[in-house]
């Protein structure tokens, strides 16, 4: 069976981030032989002065293929891990979704996109859980992190939100690489321009400081812009963090309708 594991609100500005904790859970799940995990993705939620968050109000999610007999073990381990590893002032939440058993996928996806636009209450989160087969639990503080954990799971399930945690390390002379060779990386499916045109295999890409796939229509996509090189030739360059954020903000209103 395939599951989603999402956590939120575990850290403070000086501690290990929620993404690092998600990776630790993921590695331990594999070390214990419970299943095989995917990449951790970061899902940006609404930034609003009424919402308490430590830095950027984002949740972290990964998928795992496990045997059904290990589902409760994964939940128990992640629950104890969050209690032990989250900072004292955090409000951590855990969401585990068995995708094949999920009764209402669209409602979970809609909840995720709503959390990017509106302030949501814990009551709304638990009302959704009551209608579906979803594990949602609080592990410290006021448990407010359950909202982001549930939303992040819905956004990952949509296959149309989030970006890979961290930045990929690509071995390329002078940071120059063809699209074909870039897509040989296991975390990259396609290279597209900012206007969503797929870039051909033989095109040349200049790798900037950030090489980070976004998840678009179920694919891990590197976004690039066309730039003029020192030799007067045009080539593609990976987009900056600000460009990715602007693209995600613009696209959210398209995919969430």
C-alpha atoms as a PDB file:
ATOM      1  CA  UNK A   1       0.000   0.000   0.000  1.00  0.00           C
ATOM      2  CA  UNK A   2       1.093   3.578  -0.521  1.00  0.00           C
ATOM      3  CA  UNK A   3       0.893   6.092   2.290  1.00  0.00           C
ATOM      4  CA  UNK A   4       1.478   9.810   2.775  1.00  0.00           C
ATOM      5  CA  UNK A   5       3.329  10.961   5.891  1.00  0.00           C
ATOM      6  CA  UNK A   6       3.172  14.690   6.617  1.00  0.00           C
ATOM      7  CA  UNK A   7       4.353  16.708   9.624  1.00  0.00           C
ATOM      8  CA  UNK A   8       4.120  20.359  10.592  1.00  0.00           C
ATOM      9  CA  UNK A   9       5.042  22.841  13.340  1.00  0.00           C
ATOM     10  CA  UNK A  10       7.936  20.965  14.952  1.00  0.00           C
ATOM     11  CA  UNK A  11      10.679  23.582  15.128  1.00  0.00           C
ATOM     12  CA  UNK A  12      11.712  27.092  15.992  1.00  0.00           C
ATOM     13  CA  UNK A  13      13.968  29.515  14.147  1.00  0.00           C
ATOM     14  CA  UNK A  14      17.129  28.085  15.784  1.00  0.00           C
ATOM     15  CA  UNK A  15      16.359  24.336  15.741  1.00  0.00           C
ATOM     16  CA  UNK A  16      16.482  21.623  13.114  1.00  0.00           C
ATOM     17  CA  UNK A  17      13.775  22.289  10.545  1.00  0.00           C
ATOM     18  CA  UNK A  18      10.639  20.270  10.011  1.00  0.00           C
ATOM     19  CA  UNK A  19      12.062  19.042   6.710  1.00  0.00           C
ATOM     20  CA  UNK A  20      15.087  17.547   8.447  1.00  0.00           C
ATOM     21  CA  UNK A  21      12.831  15.755  10.918  1.00  0.00           C
ATOM     22  CA  UNK A  22      10.733  14.392   8.042  1.00  0.00           C
ATOM     23  CA  UNK A  23      13.895  13.019   6.432  1.00  0.00           C
ATOM     24  CA  UNK A  24      14.887  11.370   9.717  1.00  0.00           C
ATOM     25  CA  UNK A  25      11.498   9.641   9.956  1.00  0.00           C
ATOM     26  CA  UNK A  26      11.796   8.585   6.332  1.00  0.00           C
ATOM     27  CA  UNK A  27      15.271   7.088   6.792  1.00  0.00           C
ATOM     28  CA  UNK A  28      14.238   5.199   9.940  1.00  0.00           C
ATOM     29  CA  UNK A  29      11.194   3.761   8.192  1.00  0.00           C
ATOM     30  CA  UNK A  30      13.500   2.327   5.521  1.00  0.00           C
ATOM     31  CA  UNK A  31      16.146   1.222   8.062  1.00  0.00           C
ATOM     32  CA  UNK A  32      13.514  -0.807   9.903  1.00  0.00           C
ATOM     33  CA  UNK A  33      12.462  -2.509   6.694  1.00  0.00           C
ATOM     34  CA  UNK A  34       8.918  -1.162   6.776  1.00  0.00           C
ATOM     35  CA  UNK A  35       8.959   0.157   3.215  1.00  0.00           C
ATOM     36  CA  UNK A  36      10.520   2.297   0.500  1.00  0.00           C
ATOM     37  CA  UNK A  37      10.150   6.079   0.669  1.00  0.00           C
ATOM     38  CA  UNK A  38      10.076   8.957  -1.792  1.00  0.00           C
ATOM     39  CA  UNK A  39      11.555  12.450  -1.640  1.00  0.00           C
ATOM     40  CA  UNK A  40      10.426  14.936   1.004  1.00  0.00           C
ATOM     41  CA  UNK A  41       8.430  17.825  -0.435  1.00  0.00           C
ATOM     42  CA  UNK A  42       7.778  21.258   1.060  1.00  0.00           C
ATOM     43  CA  UNK A  43       4.275  22.710   0.820  1.00  0.00           C
ATOM     44  CA  UNK A  44       3.760  26.426   1.401  1.00  0.00           C
ATOM     45  CA  UNK A  45       0.627  27.378   3.350  1.00  0.00           C
ATOM     46  CA  UNK A  46      -1.007  30.756   3.962  1.00  0.00           C
ATOM     47  CA  UNK A  47       1.099  33.483   5.551  1.00  0.00           C
ATOM     48  CA  UNK A  48      -1.238  35.451   7.816  1.00  0.00           C
ATOM     49  CA  UNK A  49      -0.610  37.374  11.068  1.00  0.00           C
ATOM     50  CA  UNK A  50      -3.319  35.344  12.825  1.00  0.00           C
ATOM     51  CA  UNK A  51      -1.487  32.070  12.123  1.00  0.00           C
ATOM     52  CA  UNK A  52       1.399  31.250  14.502  1.00  0.00           C
ATOM     53  CA  UNK A  53       4.427  29.787  12.708  1.00  0.00           C
ATOM     54  CA  UNK A  54       8.188  29.796  13.229  1.00  0.00           C
ATOM     55  CA  UNK A  55       9.467  30.893   9.832  1.00  0.00           C
ATOM     56  CA  UNK A  56       7.539  30.175   6.604  1.00  0.00           C
ATOM     57  CA  UNK A  57       4.410  28.168   7.556  1.00  0.00           C
ATOM     58  CA  UNK A  58       5.224  25.182   5.381  1.00  0.00           C
ATOM     59  CA  UNK A  59       4.609  21.483   5.983  1.00  0.00           C
ATOM     60  CA  UNK A  60       6.763  18.548   4.894  1.00  0.00           C
ATOM     61  CA  UNK A  61       5.491  15.363   3.281  1.00  0.00           C
ATOM     62  CA  UNK A  62       6.767  12.129   1.780  1.00  0.00           C
ATOM     63  CA  UNK A  63       5.198   9.008   0.326  1.00  0.00           C
ATOM     64  CA  UNK A  64       6.111   5.443   1.223  1.00  0.00           C
ATOM     65  CA  UNK A  65       5.247   2.040  -0.189  1.00  0.00           C
ATOM     66  CA  UNK A  66       4.741  -0.312   2.756  1.00  0.00           C
ATOM     67  CA  UNK A  67       3.033  -3.569   3.678  1.00  0.00           C
ATOM     68  CA  UNK A  68      -0.292  -2.953   5.375  1.00  0.00           C
ATOM     69  CA  UNK A  69       0.927  -4.834   8.444  1.00  0.00           C
ATOM     70  CA  UNK A  70       3.487  -2.044   9.066  1.00  0.00           C
ATOM     71  CA  UNK A  71       1.023   0.880   8.941  1.00  0.00           C
ATOM     72  CA  UNK A  72       0.431   1.094  12.687  1.00  0.00           C
ATOM     73  CA  UNK A  73       4.154   0.717  13.379  1.00  0.00           C
ATOM     74  CA  UNK A  74       4.869   3.718  11.133  1.00  0.00           C
ATOM     75  CA  UNK A  75       2.214   5.791  12.916  1.00  0.00           C
ATOM     76  CA  UNK A  76       3.467   4.782  16.370  1.00  0.00           C
ATOM     77  CA  UNK A  77       7.102   5.496  15.524  1.00  0.00           C
ATOM     78  CA  UNK A  78       6.386   8.884  13.911  1.00  0.00           C
ATOM     79  CA  UNK A  79       4.193   9.879  16.861  1.00  0.00           C
ATOM     80  CA  UNK A  80       6.862   9.065  19.449  1.00  0.00           C
ATOM     81  CA  UNK A  81       9.536  10.693  17.289  1.00  0.00           C
ATOM     82  CA  UNK A  82       7.641  13.994  17.137  1.00  0.00           C
ATOM     83  CA  UNK A  83       7.060  13.991  20.893  1.00  0.00           C
ATOM     84  CA  UNK A  84      10.770  13.397  21.468  1.00  0.00           C
ATOM     85  CA  UNK A  85      12.383  15.545  18.774  1.00  0.00           C
ATOM     86  CA  UNK A  86      10.110  18.589  18.415  1.00  0.00           C
ATOM     87  CA  UNK A  87      11.109  21.698  20.339  1.00  0.00           C
ATOM     88  CA  UNK A  88       9.224  22.411  23.558  1.00  0.00           C
ATOM     89  CA  UNK A  89       7.408  25.490  22.243  1.00  0.00           C
ATOM     90  CA  UNK A  90       6.232  23.795  19.023  1.00  0.00           C
ATOM     91  CA  UNK A  91       2.710  22.558  18.276  1.00  0.00           C
ATOM     92  CA  UNK A  92       3.522  19.471  16.173  1.00  0.00           C
ATOM     93  CA  UNK A  93       0.978  17.565  14.126  1.00  0.00           C
ATOM     94  CA  UNK A  94       1.185  14.268  12.247  1.00  0.00           C
ATOM     95  CA  UNK A  95      -0.933  13.079   9.337  1.00  0.00           C
ATOM     96  CA  UNK A  96      -0.692   9.589   7.832  1.00  0.00           C
ATOM     97  CA  UNK A  97      -2.921   8.748   4.872  1.00  0.00           C
ATOM     98  CA  UNK A  98      -3.348   5.263   3.434  1.00  0.00           C
ATOM     99  CA  UNK A  99      -4.144   6.382  -0.099  1.00  0.00           C
ATOM    100  CA  UNK A 100      -5.962   3.207  -1.186  1.00  0.00           C
ATOM    101  CA  UNK A 101      -8.231   3.377   1.885  1.00  0.00           C
ATOM    102  CA  UNK A 102      -8.977   7.088   1.578  1.00  0.00           C
ATOM    103  CA  UNK A 103     -12.731   7.594   1.280  1.00  0.00           C
ATOM    104  CA  UNK A 104     -12.744  11.122  -0.162  1.00  0.00           C
ATOM    105  CA  UNK A 105      -9.581  12.124  -1.994  1.00  0.00           C
ATOM    106  CA  UNK A 106     -10.970  15.305  -3.491  1.00  0.00           C
ATOM    107  CA  UNK A 107     -12.034  16.720  -0.110  1.00  0.00           C
ATOM    108  CA  UNK A 108      -8.500  16.211   1.200  1.00  0.00           C
ATOM    109  CA  UNK A 109      -7.025  17.922  -1.869  1.00  0.00           C
ATOM    110  CA  UNK A 110      -9.503  20.803  -1.563  1.00  0.00           C
ATOM    111  CA  UNK A 111      -8.574  21.205   2.119  1.00  0.00           C
ATOM    112  CA  UNK A 112      -4.910  21.496   1.140  1.00  0.00           C
ATOM    113  CA  UNK A 113      -5.476  24.268  -1.382  1.00  0.00           C
ATOM    114  CA  UNK A 114      -7.855  26.054   0.971  1.00  0.00           C
ATOM    115  CA  UNK A 115      -5.040  26.184   3.544  1.00  0.00           C
ATOM    116  CA  UNK A 116      -2.952  28.123   1.012  1.00  0.00           C
ATOM    117  CA  UNK A 117      -5.667  30.806   0.725  1.00  0.00           C
ATOM    118  CA  UNK A 118      -7.610  30.941   4.002  1.00  0.00           C
ATOM    119  CA  UNK A 119      -7.225  30.608   7.763  1.00  0.00           C
ATOM    120  CA  UNK A 120      -8.463  27.155   8.812  1.00  0.00           C
ATOM    121  CA  UNK A 121      -9.382  25.877  12.278  1.00  0.00           C
ATOM    122  CA  UNK A 122      -8.565  22.569  13.934  1.00  0.00           C
ATOM    123  CA  UNK A 123     -12.288  21.861  14.031  1.00  0.00           C
ATOM    124  CA  UNK A 124     -12.395  21.940  10.227  1.00  0.00           C
ATOM    125  CA  UNK A 125      -9.459  19.539  10.074  1.00  0.00           C
ATOM    126  CA  UNK A 126     -11.024  17.027  12.437  1.00  0.00           C
ATOM    127  CA  UNK A 127     -14.390  17.281  10.678  1.00  0.00           C
ATOM    128  CA  UNK A 128     -12.656  16.139   7.493  1.00  0.00           C
ATOM    129  CA  UNK A 129     -10.873  13.305   9.301  1.00  0.00           C
ATOM    130  CA  UNK A 130     -14.209  12.010  10.610  1.00  0.00           C
ATOM    131  CA  UNK A 131     -15.389  11.499   7.021  1.00  0.00           C
ATOM    132  CA  UNK A 132     -12.255   9.722   5.817  1.00  0.00           C
ATOM    133  CA  UNK A 133      -9.764   7.050   6.837  1.00  0.00           C
ATOM    134  CA  UNK A 134      -6.986   9.434   7.871  1.00  0.00           C
ATOM    135  CA  UNK A 135      -4.729   9.362  10.920  1.00  0.00           C
ATOM    136  CA  UNK A 136      -4.314  12.847  12.414  1.00  0.00           C
ATOM    137  CA  UNK A 137      -2.697  13.423  15.811  1.00  0.00           C
ATOM    138  CA  UNK A 138      -1.242  16.165  18.029  1.00  0.00           C
ATOM    139  CA  UNK A 139       2.125  15.727  19.735  1.00  0.00           C
ATOM    140  CA  UNK A 140       2.742  18.796  21.867  1.00  0.00           C
ATOM    141  CA  UNK A 141       1.686  22.354  22.590  1.00  0.00           C
ATOM    142  CA  UNK A 142      -1.770  23.211  21.323  1.00  0.00           C
ATOM    143  CA  UNK A 143      -1.509  20.737  18.441  1.00  0.00           C
ATOM    144  CA  UNK A 144      -2.129  23.433  15.846  1.00  0.00           C
ATOM    145  CA  UNK A 145       0.266  21.644  13.508  1.00  0.00           C
ATOM    146  CA  UNK A 146      -2.433  19.108  12.614  1.00  0.00           C
ATOM    147  CA  UNK A 147      -3.900  21.701  10.241  1.00  0.00           C
ATOM    148  CA  UNK A 148      -0.704  22.029   8.227  1.00  0.00           C
ATOM    149  CA  UNK A 149      -0.007  18.286   8.368  1.00  0.00           C
ATOM    150  CA  UNK A 150      -3.427  17.486   6.921  1.00  0.00           C
ATOM    151  CA  UNK A 151      -3.142  20.258   4.336  1.00  0.00           C
ATOM    152  CA  UNK A 152       0.321  19.143   3.252  1.00  0.00           C
ATOM    153  CA  UNK A 153      -0.922  15.595   2.714  1.00  0.00           C
ATOM    154  CA  UNK A 154      -3.723  16.914   0.524  1.00  0.00           C
ATOM    155  CA  UNK A 155      -1.353  19.066  -1.490  1.00  0.00           C
ATOM    156  CA  UNK A 156       1.061  16.183  -2.086  1.00  0.00           C
ATOM    157  CA  UNK A 157      -1.890  13.993  -3.070  1.00  0.00           C
ATOM    158  CA  UNK A 158      -2.917  16.590  -5.670  1.00  0.00           C
ATOM    159  CA  UNK A 159       0.369  15.992  -7.561  1.00  0.00           C
ATOM    160  CA  UNK A 160       0.278  19.718  -8.332  1.00  0.00           C
ATOM    161  CA  UNK A 161       1.973  21.445  -5.420  1.00  0.00           C
ATOM    162  CA  UNK A 162       5.249  21.532  -3.558  1.00  0.00           C
ATOM    163  CA  UNK A 163       8.925  21.518  -4.228  1.00  0.00           C
ATOM    164  CA  UNK A 164      11.694  19.124  -3.305  1.00  0.00           C
ATOM    165  CA  UNK A 165      13.298  19.842   0.057  1.00  0.00           C
ATOM    166  CA  UNK A 166      16.807  21.222  -0.354  1.00  0.00           C
ATOM    167  CA  UNK A 167      18.658  21.672  -3.636  1.00  0.00           C
ATOM    168  CA  UNK A 168      19.897  18.906  -5.915  1.00  0.00           C
ATOM    169  CA  UNK A 169      23.627  18.427  -6.400  1.00  0.00           C
ATOM    170  CA  UNK A 170      24.380  17.995 -10.086  1.00  0.00           C
ATOM    171  CA  UNK A 171      27.876  17.088 -11.295  1.00  0.00           C
ATOM    172  CA  UNK A 172      28.379  19.195 -14.421  1.00  0.00           C
ATOM    173  CA  UNK A 173      31.570  20.853 -15.745  1.00  0.00           C
ATOM    174  CA  UNK A 174      31.286  24.649 -15.378  1.00  0.00           C
ATOM    175  CA  UNK A 175      27.674  24.041 -14.291  1.00  0.00           C
ATOM    176  CA  UNK A 176      26.691  23.462 -17.923  1.00  0.00           C
ATOM    177  CA  UNK A 177      24.591  20.415 -18.825  1.00  0.00           C
ATOM    178  CA  UNK A 178      22.179  19.207 -21.493  1.00  0.00           C
ATOM    179  CA  UNK A 179      18.528  18.730 -20.658  1.00  0.00           C
ATOM    180  CA  UNK A 180      18.906  15.018 -21.440  1.00  0.00           C
ATOM    181  CA  UNK A 181      21.704  14.564 -18.909  1.00  0.00           C
ATOM    182  CA  UNK A 182      19.931  16.700 -16.326  1.00  0.00           C
ATOM    183  CA  UNK A 183      16.885  14.447 -16.566  1.00  0.00           C
ATOM    184  CA  UNK A 184      19.022  11.399 -15.840  1.00  0.00           C
ATOM    185  CA  UNK A 185      18.895  12.469 -12.190  1.00  0.00           C
ATOM    186  CA  UNK A 186      16.308  10.267 -10.414  1.00  0.00           C
ATOM    187  CA  UNK A 187      14.558  13.324  -8.929  1.00  0.00           C
ATOM    188  CA  UNK A 188      14.022  15.102 -12.275  1.00  0.00           C
ATOM    189  CA  UNK A 189      11.418  14.159 -14.892  1.00  0.00           C
ATOM    190  CA  UNK A 190      11.295  17.221 -17.136  1.00  0.00           C
ATOM    191  CA  UNK A 191      12.720  20.669 -17.797  1.00  0.00           C
ATOM    192  CA  UNK A 192      10.224  23.411 -18.659  1.00  0.00           C
ATOM    193  CA  UNK A 193      10.299  27.141 -19.306  1.00  0.00           C
ATOM    194  CA  UNK A 194       8.397  29.531 -17.033  1.00  0.00           C
ATOM    195  CA  UNK A 195       5.567  29.556 -19.600  1.00  0.00           C
ATOM    196  CA  UNK A 196       5.397  25.742 -19.200  1.00  0.00           C
ATOM    197  CA  UNK A 197       6.892  24.753 -22.552  1.00  0.00           C
ATOM    198  CA  UNK A 198       8.941  21.564 -22.326  1.00  0.00           C
ATOM    199  CA  UNK A 199      12.597  22.172 -23.224  1.00  0.00           C
ATOM    200  CA  UNK A 200      14.184  19.764 -25.721  1.00  0.00           C
ATOM    201  CA  UNK A 201      16.733  17.124 -24.741  1.00  0.00           C
ATOM    202  CA  UNK A 202      19.623  18.759 -26.617  1.00  0.00           C
ATOM    203  CA  UNK A 203      19.134  22.232 -25.162  1.00  0.00           C
ATOM    204  CA  UNK A 204      21.861  23.573 -22.837  1.00  0.00           C
ATOM    205  CA  UNK A 205      21.149  24.516 -19.212  1.00  0.00           C
ATOM    206  CA  UNK A 206      23.293  26.685 -16.939  1.00  0.00           C
ATOM    207  CA  UNK A 207      22.854  25.500 -13.359  1.00  0.00           C
ATOM    208  CA  UNK A 208      22.308  28.390 -10.955  1.00  0.00           C
ATOM    209  CA  UNK A 209      22.611  28.335  -7.178  1.00  0.00           C
ATOM    210  CA  UNK A 210      19.290  26.519  -6.876  1.00  0.00           C
ATOM    211  CA  UNK A 211      18.385  23.272  -8.638  1.00  0.00           C
ATOM    212  CA  UNK A 212      15.025  22.371  -7.154  1.00  0.00           C
ATOM    213  CA  UNK A 213      12.183  20.459  -8.843  1.00  0.00           C
ATOM    214  CA  UNK A 214       8.575  21.568  -8.492  1.00  0.00           C
ATOM    215  CA  UNK A 215       5.796  19.005  -8.689  1.00  0.00           C
ATOM    216  CA  UNK A 216       3.574  19.736 -11.680  1.00  0.00           C
ATOM    217  CA  UNK A 217       0.966  17.277 -12.982  1.00  0.00           C
ATOM    218  CA  UNK A 218       2.651  14.487 -11.070  1.00  0.00           C
ATOM    219  CA  UNK A 219       6.113  15.167 -12.499  1.00  0.00           C
ATOM    220  CA  UNK A 220       9.243  16.600 -10.895  1.00  0.00           C
ATOM    221  CA  UNK A 221       9.993  19.614 -13.090  1.00  0.00           C
ATOM    222  CA  UNK A 222      12.986  21.942 -13.250  1.00  0.00           C
ATOM    223  CA  UNK A 223      11.952  25.431 -14.339  1.00  0.00           C
ATOM    224  CA  UNK A 224      14.331  27.484 -16.467  1.00  0.00           C
ATOM    225  CA  UNK A 225      14.513  30.907 -18.107  1.00  0.00           C
ATOM    226  CA  UNK A 226      16.324  31.860 -21.312  1.00  0.00           C
ATOM    227  CA  UNK A 227      19.413  34.037 -20.769  1.00  0.00           C
ATOM    228  CA  UNK A 228      22.212  35.492 -22.889  1.00  0.00           C
ATOM    229  CA  UNK A 229      25.605  33.889 -22.218  1.00  0.00           C
ATOM    230  CA  UNK A 230      28.971  35.704 -22.269  1.00  0.00           C
ATOM    231  CA  UNK A 231      29.668  34.345 -25.756  1.00  0.00           C
ATOM    232  CA  UNK A 232      26.511  35.944 -27.127  1.00  0.00           C
ATOM    233  CA  UNK A 233      24.574  32.677 -27.353  1.00  0.00           C
ATOM    234  CA  UNK A 234      21.227  32.072 -25.688  1.00  0.00           C
ATOM    235  CA  UNK A 235      20.860  29.208 -23.241  1.00  0.00           C
ATOM    236  CA  UNK A 236      18.617  28.190 -20.375  1.00  0.00           C
ATOM    237  CA  UNK A 237      19.285  28.872 -16.693  1.00  0.00           C
ATOM    238  CA  UNK A 238      17.619  27.348 -13.639  1.00  0.00           C
ATOM    239  CA  UNK A 239      15.220  29.713 -11.890  1.00  0.00           C
ATOM    240  CA  UNK A 240      15.947  31.488  -8.614  1.00  0.00           C
ATOM    241  CA  UNK A 241      14.071  30.928  -5.359  1.00  0.00           C
ATOM    242  CA  UNK A 242      12.086  34.134  -5.897  1.00  0.00           C
ATOM    243  CA  UNK A 243      11.119  33.071  -9.408  1.00  0.00           C
ATOM    244  CA  UNK A 244       9.934  29.675  -8.152  1.00  0.00           C
ATOM    245  CA  UNK A 245       7.873  31.306  -5.414  1.00  0.00           C
ATOM    246  CA  UNK A 246       6.261  33.712  -7.885  1.00  0.00           C
ATOM    247  CA  UNK A 247       5.498  30.842 -10.266  1.00  0.00           C
ATOM    248  CA  UNK A 248       3.899  28.780  -7.475  1.00  0.00           C
ATOM    249  CA  UNK A 249       1.809  31.736  -6.327  1.00  0.00           C
ATOM    250  CA  UNK A 250       0.524  32.343  -9.852  1.00  0.00           C
ATOM    251  CA  UNK A 251      -0.151  28.689 -10.578  1.00  0.00           C
ATOM    252  CA  UNK A 252      -1.990  28.026  -7.306  1.00  0.00           C
ATOM    253  CA  UNK A 253      -5.048  29.928  -8.497  1.00  0.00           C
ATOM    254  CA  UNK A 254      -5.188  27.813 -11.647  1.00  0.00           C
ATOM    255  CA  UNK A 255      -4.885  24.304 -10.180  1.00  0.00           C
ATOM    256  CA  UNK A 256      -7.035  24.964  -7.105  1.00  0.00           C
ATOM    257  CA  UNK A 257     -10.146  26.021  -9.042  1.00  0.00           C
END
